[in-house]
Amino acid sequence: MGSVAVVFKIVPEEAGALPAILEEIKKIVPSIQKTSEEDIGFGIKALMVTIVMPDGPDAFGFEEKLNTLPGVSRAELISADRIGV
């Protein structure tokens, strides 16, 4: 079984909440590969998080976990790409 690079888009409930949300994510997944911010309007930015995880249905379960974090309005799986062979 290989690995997948999974990208999630996390929209905060309010502007300025991204640092706290990122700290909560790090408690669940200590090995985040990449993060970036994306403007979505009205001073609110979404957090784009790339995580490498084992290939399988866990990505969808992880999306549900992200949606329960404090300060998260919405989290969605944007892409999942197999890496390695």
Protein backbone atom coordinates (compact mmCIF):
# COMPACT_ATOMS: atom_id res chain seq x y z
CA MET A 1 0.00 0.00 0.00
CA GLY A 2 1.35 3.42 -0.94
CA SER A 3 0.83 6.91 0.37
CA VAL A 4 -1.30 9.82 -0.75
CA ALA A 5 -0.73 13.55 -0.56
CA VAL A 6 -4.05 14.99 0.57
CA VAL A 7 -4.94 18.68 0.37
CA PHE A 8 -7.64 20.09 2.64
CA LYS A 9 -9.18 23.56 2.50
CA ILE A 10 -10.17 24.84 5.93
CA VAL A 11 -12.40 27.89 6.22
CA PRO A 12 -12.42 29.59 9.64
CA GLU A 13 -15.51 30.89 11.39
CA GLU A 14 -13.89 34.33 11.71
CA ALA A 15 -10.92 36.29 10.38
CA GLY A 16 -7.68 35.82 12.28
CA ALA A 17 -8.46 32.30 13.51
CA LEU A 18 -6.00 30.44 11.24
CA PRO A 19 -3.03 30.28 13.67
CA ALA A 20 -5.19 28.68 16.38
CA ILE A 21 -6.73 26.25 13.89
CA LEU A 22 -3.30 25.26 12.60
CA GLU A 23 -2.15 24.50 16.16
CA GLU A 24 -5.20 22.26 16.64
CA ILE A 25 -4.41 20.43 13.39
CA LYS A 26 -0.81 19.88 14.54
CA LYS A 27 -2.17 18.09 17.62
CA ILE A 28 -3.89 15.58 15.32
CA VAL A 29 -1.21 15.37 12.59
CA PRO A 30 2.29 16.38 13.66
CA SER A 31 3.76 15.90 10.17
CA ILE A 32 2.07 18.50 7.97
CA GLN A 33 3.88 18.73 4.62
CA LYS A 34 2.77 22.18 3.50
CA THR A 35 0.45 25.02 4.47
CA SER A 36 -0.65 28.13 2.64
CA GLU A 37 -3.39 30.73 2.87
CA GLU A 38 -5.97 31.57 0.22
CA ASP A 39 -8.05 34.77 0.20
CA ILE A 40 -11.76 34.04 0.12
CA GLY A 41 -13.15 37.53 0.76
CA PHE A 42 -14.14 40.04 3.43
CA GLY A 43 -10.73 39.70 5.12
CA ILE A 44 -11.16 35.96 5.64
CA LYS A 45 -8.51 33.54 4.43
CA ALA A 46 -8.79 29.79 4.04
CA LEU A 47 -6.00 27.51 5.21
CA MET A 48 -4.72 25.01 2.65
CA VAL A 49 -3.05 22.03 4.35
CA THR A 50 -1.18 19.20 2.62
CA ILE A 51 -0.75 15.96 4.58
CA VAL A 52 0.85 12.69 3.50
CA MET A 53 -1.05 9.67 4.79
CA PRO A 54 -1.43 5.96 3.98
CA ASP A 55 -3.58 5.23 0.94
CA GLY A 56 -7.12 4.30 1.95
CA PRO A 57 -10.42 5.76 3.12
CA ASP A 58 -8.82 7.57 6.10
CA ALA A 59 -8.75 10.89 4.23
CA PHE A 60 -12.53 11.19 4.45
CA GLY A 61 -12.48 10.36 8.15
CA PHE A 62 -9.82 12.99 8.65
CA GLU A 63 -12.02 15.55 6.88
CA GLU A 64 -14.74 14.84 9.47
CA LYS A 65 -12.22 15.39 12.30
CA LEU A 66 -11.17 18.73 10.82
CA ASN A 67 -14.80 19.85 10.69
CA THR A 68 -15.12 19.33 14.46
CA LEU A 69 -12.15 21.52 15.40
CA PRO A 70 -12.89 24.75 17.28
CA GLY A 71 -13.04 27.78 14.99
CA VAL A 72 -13.56 25.75 11.79
CA SER A 73 -16.56 26.75 9.71
CA ARG A 74 -15.90 24.18 6.99
CA ALA A 75 -13.17 21.76 5.96
CA GLU A 76 -13.16 19.96 2.65
CA LEU A 77 -10.91 17.55 0.83
CA ILE A 78 -9.61 19.30 -2.29
CA SER A 79 -7.36 16.63 -3.78
CA ALA A 80 -5.74 13.27 -3.07
CA ASP A 81 -2.82 12.17 -5.21
CA ARG A 82 -0.91 8.90 -4.90
CA ILE A 83 2.81 9.29 -4.33
CA GLY A 84 5.47 6.65 -4.71
CA VAL A 85 4.78 3.18 -6.03
